Amino acid sequence: MRAVIQRAAEAQVVINGTVKGAIQRGLVVLLAVEEADTAEDIGWLSGKIVRLRIFDDEAGVMNLSVQDVQGGILLVSQFTLFASTRKGNRPSYSRSARPEIAIPLYQQFVHRLELDLGKPVQTGEFGAHMLVSLTNDGPVTVIIDSKARE
């Protein structure tokens, strides 16, 4: 699994003119699933995200997690995070899991993230055309790949 995590002052995802998910202060997580992902990847990445210390403490040091600041999470599926541009100019997405594999893993990830965060997670809709907007606070953006944890 690969995640791009952005610290946000606010964010929302709109599908067909309707707001599907929205948060105030918190994290926007763009998530890509690959076929080799397992429950171990889900647990490790979810825990890493909710404990990631990228919010400022009273001294202005990034020392607090989304849990510490009682922030929200907006999770959006984005298979293009596994794009390969090695050959030519048209990206290949062969590393991204097919929907029949990716959807159940994405749903398991949402459930685990809610358990780890201790509250509901806002989401987009897997496979839908979404308009995602956010105010990146900082800006702070972190990329985490569950296969590169060592």
N, C-alpha and C. Protein backbone atom coordinates (compact mmCIF):
# COMPACT_ATOMS: atom_id res chain seq x y z
N MET A 1 0.85 -1.17 0.00
CA MET A 1 0.00 0.00 0.00
C MET A 1 0.89 1.23 0.00
N ARG A 2 0.44 2.21 -0.71
CA ARG A 2 1.16 3.47 -0.75
C ARG A 2 0.17 4.57 -0.39
N ALA A 3 0.62 5.47 0.48
CA ALA A 3 -0.24 6.57 0.91
C ALA A 3 0.50 7.89 0.78
N VAL A 4 -0.21 8.89 0.29
CA VAL A 4 0.25 10.26 0.33
C VAL A 4 -0.62 10.94 1.38
N ILE A 5 0.03 11.48 2.41
CA ILE A 5 -0.68 12.05 3.55
C ILE A 5 -0.42 13.55 3.57
N GLN A 6 -1.49 14.32 3.61
CA GLN A 6 -1.35 15.77 3.64
C GLN A 6 -2.06 16.32 4.87
N ARG A 7 -1.32 17.16 5.61
CA ARG A 7 -1.93 17.83 6.76
C ARG A 7 -2.83 18.93 6.21
N ALA A 8 -4.07 18.94 6.62
CA ALA A 8 -5.05 19.86 6.04
C ALA A 8 -5.76 20.69 7.10
N ALA A 9 -6.02 21.94 6.74
CA ALA A 9 -6.86 22.80 7.57
C ALA A 9 -8.33 22.47 7.32
N GLU A 10 -8.62 22.01 6.09
CA GLU A 10 -9.96 21.57 5.70
C GLU A 10 -9.84 20.81 4.39
N ALA A 11 -10.80 19.94 4.13
CA ALA A 11 -10.78 19.17 2.88
C ALA A 11 -12.15 18.59 2.61
N GLN A 12 -12.40 18.32 1.34
CA GLN A 12 -13.65 17.64 0.97
C GLN A 12 -13.48 16.90 -0.34
N VAL A 13 -14.35 15.92 -0.54
CA VAL A 13 -14.41 15.22 -1.81
C VAL A 13 -15.85 15.32 -2.31
N VAL A 14 -15.98 15.70 -3.59
CA VAL A 14 -17.28 15.90 -4.22
C VAL A 14 -17.43 14.90 -5.36
N ILE A 15 -18.59 14.23 -5.42
CA ILE A 15 -18.91 13.30 -6.49
C ILE A 15 -20.25 13.70 -7.08
N ASN A 16 -20.27 13.95 -8.38
CA ASN A 16 -21.49 14.36 -9.08
C ASN A 16 -22.18 15.54 -8.40
N GLY A 17 -21.39 16.52 -7.98
CA GLY A 17 -21.93 17.74 -7.39
C GLY A 17 -22.33 17.62 -5.93
N THR A 18 -22.13 16.46 -5.31
CA THR A 18 -22.52 16.25 -3.92
C THR A 18 -21.29 15.97 -3.07
N VAL A 19 -21.21 16.63 -1.91
CA VAL A 19 -20.11 16.39 -0.99
C VAL A 19 -20.28 14.99 -0.40
N LYS A 20 -19.30 14.13 -0.66
CA LYS A 20 -19.33 12.75 -0.15
C LYS A 20 -18.66 12.65 1.21
N GLY A 21 -17.58 13.41 1.40
CA GLY A 21 -16.86 13.40 2.66
C GLY A 21 -16.16 14.73 2.86
N ALA A 22 -16.05 15.15 4.12
CA ALA A 22 -15.40 16.42 4.42
C ALA A 22 -14.85 16.38 5.84
N ILE A 23 -13.74 17.10 6.03
CA ILE A 23 -13.15 17.24 7.36
C ILE A 23 -12.73 18.69 7.57
N GLN A 24 -12.56 19.05 8.80
CA GLN A 24 -11.87 20.29 9.14
C GLN A 24 -10.41 19.90 9.39
N ARG A 25 -9.80 20.34 10.42
CA ARG A 25 -8.39 20.03 10.70
C ARG A 25 -8.16 18.52 10.73
N GLY A 26 -7.14 18.08 10.01
CA GLY A 26 -6.84 16.66 10.02
C GLY A 26 -5.94 16.26 8.87
N LEU A 27 -6.15 15.04 8.39
CA LEU A 27 -5.31 14.48 7.34
C LEU A 27 -6.13 14.08 6.13
N VAL A 28 -5.61 14.36 4.95
CA VAL A 28 -6.13 13.81 3.71
C VAL A 28 -5.17 12.69 3.33
N VAL A 29 -5.72 11.49 3.15
CA VAL A 29 -4.90 10.33 2.82
C VAL A 29 -5.34 9.81 1.47
N LEU A 30 -4.42 9.87 0.50
CA LEU A 30 -4.65 9.27 -0.81
C LEU A 30 -4.01 7.89 -0.74
N LEU A 31 -4.79 6.84 -1.05
CA LEU A 31 -4.34 5.47 -0.84
C LEU A 31 -4.40 4.65 -2.12
N ALA A 32 -3.29 3.95 -2.40
CA ALA A 32 -3.24 3.01 -3.52
C ALA A 32 -2.98 1.61 -2.96
N VAL A 33 -3.65 0.64 -3.55
CA VAL A 33 -3.54 -0.76 -3.13
C VAL A 33 -2.88 -1.54 -4.26
N GLU A 34 -1.95 -2.43 -3.90
CA GLU A 34 -1.37 -3.33 -4.89
C GLU A 34 -1.73 -4.76 -4.53
N GLU A 35 -1.62 -5.65 -5.50
CA GLU A 35 -2.09 -7.02 -5.31
C GLU A 35 -1.35 -7.77 -4.22
N ALA A 36 -0.13 -7.39 -3.91
CA ALA A 36 0.66 -8.08 -2.88
C ALA A 36 0.31 -7.63 -1.46
N ASP A 37 -0.60 -6.67 -1.31
CA ASP A 37 -0.93 -6.16 0.02
C ASP A 37 -1.71 -7.18 0.83
N THR A 38 -1.49 -7.14 2.15
CA THR A 38 -2.10 -8.10 3.08
C THR A 38 -2.66 -7.35 4.28
N ALA A 39 -3.25 -8.12 5.19
CA ALA A 39 -3.75 -7.55 6.44
C ALA A 39 -2.62 -6.92 7.24
N GLU A 40 -1.41 -7.47 7.11
CA GLU A 40 -0.25 -6.90 7.80
C GLU A 40 0.04 -5.48 7.29
N ASP A 41 -0.06 -5.28 5.98
CA ASP A 41 0.14 -3.95 5.42
C ASP A 41 -0.92 -2.99 5.93
N ILE A 42 -2.16 -3.46 5.98
CA ILE A 42 -3.27 -2.63 6.46
C ILE A 42 -3.01 -2.17 7.89
N GLY A 43 -2.70 -3.11 8.77
CA GLY A 43 -2.48 -2.77 10.17
C GLY A 43 -1.30 -1.84 10.38
N TRP A 44 -0.19 -2.13 9.70
CA TRP A 44 1.01 -1.32 9.85
C TRP A 44 0.78 0.11 9.36
N LEU A 45 0.21 0.24 8.16
CA LEU A 45 0.02 1.57 7.57
C LEU A 45 -1.02 2.38 8.34
N SER A 46 -2.10 1.76 8.75
CA SER A 46 -3.12 2.47 9.51
C SER A 46 -2.53 3.02 10.81
N GLY A 47 -1.80 2.18 11.53
CA GLY A 47 -1.18 2.62 12.77
C GLY A 47 -0.19 3.74 12.55
N LYS A 48 0.58 3.64 11.49
CA LYS A 48 1.57 4.66 11.17
C LYS A 48 0.88 6.00 10.90
N ILE A 49 -0.22 5.97 10.16
CA ILE A 49 -0.93 7.21 9.82
C ILE A 49 -1.51 7.88 11.05
N VAL A 50 -2.21 7.14 11.90
CA VAL A 50 -2.86 7.79 13.04
C VAL A 50 -1.86 8.26 14.10
N ARG A 51 -0.65 7.68 14.10
CA ARG A 51 0.37 8.08 15.09
C ARG A 51 1.43 9.02 14.52
N LEU A 52 1.33 9.33 13.22
CA LEU A 52 2.30 10.20 12.56
C LEU A 52 2.28 11.59 13.19
N ARG A 53 3.40 12.02 13.72
CA ARG A 53 3.47 13.29 14.46
C ARG A 53 3.83 14.43 13.51
N ILE A 54 2.79 15.01 12.88
CA ILE A 54 3.01 16.10 11.92
C ILE A 54 2.17 17.33 12.23
N PHE A 55 1.61 17.39 13.44
CA PHE A 55 0.88 18.58 13.87
C PHE A 55 1.72 19.30 14.93
N ASP A 56 1.67 20.62 14.90
CA ASP A 56 2.48 21.43 15.81
C ASP A 56 1.98 21.35 17.25
N ASP A 57 2.94 21.27 18.18
CA ASP A 57 2.61 21.37 19.60
C ASP A 57 2.64 22.86 19.99
N GLU A 58 2.50 23.15 21.27
CA GLU A 58 2.45 24.54 21.72
C GLU A 58 3.76 25.29 21.46
N ALA A 59 4.86 24.58 21.24
CA ALA A 59 6.15 25.21 20.93
C ALA A 59 6.36 25.36 19.43
N GLY A 60 5.39 24.94 18.62
CA GLY A 60 5.51 25.06 17.17
C GLY A 60 6.32 23.94 16.54
N VAL A 61 6.51 22.85 17.28
CA VAL A 61 7.27 21.71 16.78
C VAL A 61 6.29 20.61 16.35
N MET A 62 6.53 20.00 15.19
CA MET A 62 5.66 18.91 14.74
C MET A 62 5.87 17.72 15.67
N ASN A 63 5.01 17.62 16.66
CA ASN A 63 5.18 16.62 17.71
C ASN A 63 3.86 15.94 18.08
N LEU A 64 2.77 16.29 17.38
CA LEU A 64 1.45 15.75 17.71
C LEU A 64 0.87 14.98 16.53
N SER A 65 0.09 13.95 16.84
CA SER A 65 -0.57 13.14 15.82
C SER A 65 -1.98 13.65 15.57
N VAL A 66 -2.62 13.09 14.56
CA VAL A 66 -4.02 13.43 14.29
C VAL A 66 -4.91 13.03 15.47
N GLN A 67 -4.54 11.96 16.15
CA GLN A 67 -5.26 11.57 17.36
C GLN A 67 -5.11 12.62 18.44
N ASP A 68 -3.88 13.11 18.64
CA ASP A 68 -3.60 14.09 19.68
C ASP A 68 -4.40 15.37 19.49
N VAL A 69 -4.59 15.79 18.23
CA VAL A 69 -5.30 17.04 17.97
C VAL A 69 -6.79 16.80 17.71
N GLN A 70 -7.22 15.55 17.86
CA GLN A 70 -8.61 15.16 17.63
C GLN A 70 -9.09 15.57 16.25
N GLY A 71 -8.19 15.38 15.26
CA GLY A 71 -8.51 15.74 13.89
C GLY A 71 -9.25 14.63 13.16
N GLY A 72 -9.67 14.96 11.97
CA GLY A 72 -10.37 13.99 11.13
C GLY A 72 -9.44 13.44 10.06
N ILE A 73 -9.92 12.40 9.40
CA ILE A 73 -9.20 11.83 8.26
C ILE A 73 -10.18 11.71 7.09
N LEU A 74 -9.74 12.19 5.93
CA LEU A 74 -10.47 12.02 4.68
C LEU A 74 -9.62 11.07 3.83
N LEU A 75 -10.14 9.87 3.59
CA LEU A 75 -9.43 8.83 2.86
C LEU A 75 -9.99 8.72 1.44
N VAL A 76 -9.10 8.79 0.46
CA VAL A 76 -9.50 8.75 -0.95
C VAL A 76 -8.66 7.70 -1.67
N SER A 77 -9.32 6.77 -2.35
CA SER A 77 -8.60 5.77 -3.13
C SER A 77 -8.00 6.43 -4.36
N GLN A 78 -6.74 6.07 -4.67
CA GLN A 78 -6.08 6.67 -5.83
C GLN A 78 -5.05 5.70 -6.40
N PHE A 79 -5.52 4.85 -7.32
CA PHE A 79 -4.65 3.82 -7.90
C PHE A 79 -3.47 4.41 -8.66
N THR A 80 -3.56 5.67 -9.08
CA THR A 80 -2.48 6.27 -9.87
C THR A 80 -1.20 6.49 -9.07
N LEU A 81 -1.23 6.28 -7.75
CA LEU A 81 -0.01 6.42 -6.95
C LEU A 81 1.03 5.36 -7.32
N PHE A 82 0.59 4.28 -7.97
CA PHE A 82 1.53 3.25 -8.40
C PHE A 82 1.90 3.40 -9.88
N ALA A 83 1.71 4.58 -10.43
CA ALA A 83 2.03 4.81 -11.84
C ALA A 83 3.52 4.59 -12.10
N SER A 84 3.80 3.92 -13.20
CA SER A 84 5.18 3.76 -13.65
C SER A 84 5.34 4.53 -14.94
N THR A 85 6.36 5.37 -14.98
CA THR A 85 6.63 6.17 -16.19
C THR A 85 7.97 5.81 -16.80
N ARG A 86 8.45 4.61 -16.52
CA ARG A 86 9.76 4.17 -17.03
C ARG A 86 9.80 4.12 -18.54
N LYS A 87 8.72 3.65 -19.15
CA LYS A 87 8.69 3.51 -20.60
C LYS A 87 7.68 4.49 -21.18
N GLY A 88 8.13 5.34 -22.08
CA GLY A 88 7.22 6.25 -22.78
C GLY A 88 6.64 7.32 -21.87
N ASN A 89 5.59 7.93 -22.36
CA ASN A 89 4.96 9.05 -21.64
C ASN A 89 3.59 8.72 -21.09
N ARG A 90 3.08 7.55 -21.42
CA ARG A 90 1.78 7.15 -20.88
C ARG A 90 2.05 6.23 -19.67
N PRO A 91 1.62 6.65 -18.48
CA PRO A 91 1.89 5.84 -17.29
C PRO A 91 1.25 4.46 -17.37
N SER A 92 1.94 3.51 -16.78
CA SER A 92 1.41 2.16 -16.62
C SER A 92 0.96 2.00 -15.17
N TYR A 93 -0.16 1.37 -14.99
CA TYR A 93 -0.70 1.17 -13.64
C TYR A 93 -0.74 -0.32 -13.29
N SER A 94 0.13 -1.10 -13.89
CA SER A 94 0.10 -2.55 -13.71
C SER A 94 0.38 -2.98 -12.27
N ARG A 95 1.03 -2.14 -11.50
CA ARG A 95 1.31 -2.50 -10.10
C ARG A 95 0.07 -2.31 -9.21
N SER A 96 -0.88 -1.51 -9.65
CA SER A 96 -2.11 -1.30 -8.88
C SER A 96 -2.99 -2.54 -8.93
N ALA A 97 -3.61 -2.85 -7.80
CA ALA A 97 -4.49 -4.02 -7.73
C ALA A 97 -5.75 -3.81 -8.56
N ARG A 98 -6.23 -4.89 -9.16
CA ARG A 98 -7.50 -4.86 -9.88
C ARG A 98 -8.64 -4.63 -8.87
N PRO A 99 -9.75 -4.05 -9.31
CA PRO A 99 -10.84 -3.73 -8.38
C PRO A 99 -11.30 -4.89 -7.50
N GLU A 100 -11.36 -6.11 -8.05
CA GLU A 100 -11.85 -7.23 -7.24
C GLU A 100 -10.93 -7.55 -6.06
N ILE A 101 -9.69 -7.13 -6.14
CA ILE A 101 -8.75 -7.28 -5.03
C ILE A 101 -8.67 -5.99 -4.23
N ALA A 102 -8.61 -4.86 -4.92
CA ALA A 102 -8.42 -3.57 -4.26
C ALA A 102 -9.60 -3.14 -3.40
N ILE A 103 -10.81 -3.36 -3.87
CA ILE A 103 -11.98 -2.88 -3.12
C ILE A 103 -12.08 -3.52 -1.74
N PRO A 104 -12.00 -4.84 -1.61
CA PRO A 104 -12.06 -5.42 -0.26
C PRO A 104 -10.91 -4.94 0.64
N LEU A 105 -9.71 -4.80 0.09
CA LEU A 105 -8.59 -4.31 0.90
C LEU A 105 -8.79 -2.86 1.31
N TYR A 106 -9.31 -2.04 0.41
CA TYR A 106 -9.62 -0.65 0.72
C TYR A 106 -10.67 -0.58 1.83
N GLN A 107 -11.71 -1.39 1.74
CA GLN A 107 -12.76 -1.40 2.76
C GLN A 107 -12.21 -1.87 4.11
N GLN A 108 -11.33 -2.86 4.10
CA GLN A 108 -10.69 -3.31 5.33
C GLN A 108 -9.82 -2.20 5.92
N PHE A 109 -9.16 -1.45 5.04
CA PHE A 109 -8.32 -0.35 5.50
C PHE A 109 -9.17 0.73 6.16
N VAL A 110 -10.30 1.07 5.56
CA VAL A 110 -11.20 2.07 6.15
C VAL A 110 -11.61 1.62 7.55
N HIS A 111 -12.02 0.36 7.69
CA HIS A 111 -12.44 -0.17 8.99
C HIS A 111 -11.31 -0.10 10.01
N ARG A 112 -10.12 -0.53 9.62
CA ARG A 112 -8.98 -0.52 10.54
C ARG A 112 -8.59 0.90 10.94
N LEU A 113 -8.63 1.83 9.98
CA LEU A 113 -8.31 3.22 10.25
C LEU A 113 -9.31 3.81 11.25
N GLU A 114 -10.59 3.47 11.11
CA GLU A 114 -11.60 3.95 12.06
C GLU A 114 -11.34 3.39 13.45
N LEU A 115 -10.97 2.12 13.54
CA LEU A 115 -10.65 1.52 14.84
C LEU A 115 -9.44 2.21 15.46
N ASP A 116 -8.39 2.40 14.67
CA ASP A 116 -7.17 3.02 15.18
C ASP A 116 -7.37 4.48 15.56
N LEU A 117 -8.16 5.21 14.77
CA LEU A 117 -8.42 6.62 15.04
C LEU A 117 -9.42 6.80 16.18
N GLY A 118 -10.34 5.84 16.33
CA GLY A 118 -11.34 5.93 17.38
C GLY A 118 -12.58 6.71 16.99
N LYS A 119 -12.74 6.95 15.70
CA LYS A 119 -13.94 7.64 15.21
C LYS A 119 -14.08 7.39 13.71
N PRO A 120 -15.25 7.71 13.14
CA PRO A 120 -15.45 7.48 11.71
C PRO A 120 -14.48 8.27 10.84
N VAL A 121 -14.13 7.65 9.72
CA VAL A 121 -13.26 8.26 8.72
C VAL A 121 -14.13 8.67 7.54
N GLN A 122 -13.91 9.85 7.02
CA GLN A 122 -14.62 10.31 5.83
C GLN A 122 -13.92 9.70 4.62
N THR A 123 -14.69 9.39 3.59
CA THR A 123 -14.11 8.75 2.40
C THR A 123 -14.68 9.35 1.12
N GLY A 124 -13.99 9.01 0.06
CA GLY A 124 -14.52 9.23 -1.27
C GLY A 124 -15.29 7.97 -1.64
N GLU A 125 -15.32 7.65 -2.93
CA GLU A 125 -15.99 6.43 -3.38
C GLU A 125 -15.05 5.72 -4.35
N PHE A 126 -14.73 4.49 -4.03
CA PHE A 126 -13.77 3.74 -4.83
C PHE A 126 -14.21 3.70 -6.28
N GLY A 127 -13.33 4.09 -7.18
CA GLY A 127 -13.58 4.02 -8.62
C GLY A 127 -14.36 5.18 -9.21
N ALA A 128 -14.87 6.07 -8.37
CA ALA A 128 -15.66 7.20 -8.87
C ALA A 128 -14.73 8.33 -9.33
N HIS A 129 -15.27 9.17 -10.20
CA HIS A 129 -14.56 10.40 -10.56
C HIS A 129 -14.85 11.39 -9.44
N MET A 130 -13.79 11.82 -8.75
CA MET A 130 -13.96 12.67 -7.57
C MET A 130 -13.23 13.99 -7.75
N LEU A 131 -13.79 15.03 -7.17
CA LEU A 131 -13.13 16.33 -7.08
C LEU A 131 -12.69 16.47 -5.63
N VAL A 132 -11.39 16.43 -5.41
CA VAL A 132 -10.84 16.51 -4.06
C VAL A 132 -10.22 17.89 -3.89
N SER A 133 -10.65 18.58 -2.84
CA SER A 133 -10.05 19.89 -2.57
C SER A 133 -9.60 19.92 -1.11
N LEU A 134 -8.50 20.63 -0.89
CA LEU A 134 -8.00 20.75 0.46
C LEU A 134 -7.17 22.00 0.60
N THR A 135 -7.07 22.46 1.81
CA THR A 135 -6.14 23.51 2.16
C THR A 135 -5.02 22.81 2.90
N ASN A 136 -3.88 22.63 2.20
CA ASN A 136 -2.74 21.93 2.78
C ASN A 136 -2.11 22.87 3.79
N ASP A 137 -2.07 22.44 5.04
CA ASP A 137 -1.59 23.25 6.15
C ASP A 137 -0.09 23.06 6.33
N GLY A 138 0.67 24.05 5.94
CA GLY A 138 2.11 23.98 6.11
C GLY A 138 2.86 24.56 4.93
N PRO A 139 2.90 23.93 3.81
CA PRO A 139 2.34 22.62 3.47
C PRO A 139 3.15 21.48 4.09
N VAL A 140 2.42 20.44 4.47
CA VAL A 140 3.04 19.23 4.99
C VAL A 140 2.48 18.06 4.18
N THR A 141 3.36 17.32 3.51
CA THR A 141 2.99 16.15 2.72
C THR A 141 4.01 15.06 2.97
N VAL A 142 3.52 13.85 3.29
CA VAL A 142 4.38 12.72 3.59
C VAL A 142 3.92 11.54 2.74
N ILE A 143 4.88 10.79 2.19
CA ILE A 143 4.58 9.59 1.41
C ILE A 143 5.06 8.38 2.19
N ILE A 144 4.18 7.39 2.35
CA ILE A 144 4.54 6.17 3.06
C ILE A 144 4.16 4.97 2.20
N ASP A 145 5.08 4.02 2.05
CA ASP A 145 4.83 2.80 1.32
C ASP A 145 5.02 1.63 2.28
N SER A 146 4.00 0.80 2.44
CA SER A 146 4.07 -0.30 3.40
C SER A 146 5.12 -1.34 3.03
N LYS A 147 5.57 -1.36 1.79
CA LYS A 147 6.60 -2.31 1.37
C LYS A 147 8.00 -1.77 1.62
N ALA A 148 8.12 -0.52 2.03
CA ALA A 148 9.43 0.11 2.26
C ALA A 148 9.56 0.48 3.74
N ARG A 149 9.14 -0.39 4.62
CA ARG A 149 9.14 -0.04 6.04
C ARG A 149 10.43 -0.37 6.76
N GLU A 150 11.39 -0.92 6.08
CA GLU A 150 12.64 -1.27 6.76
C GLU A 150 13.78 -0.41 6.33
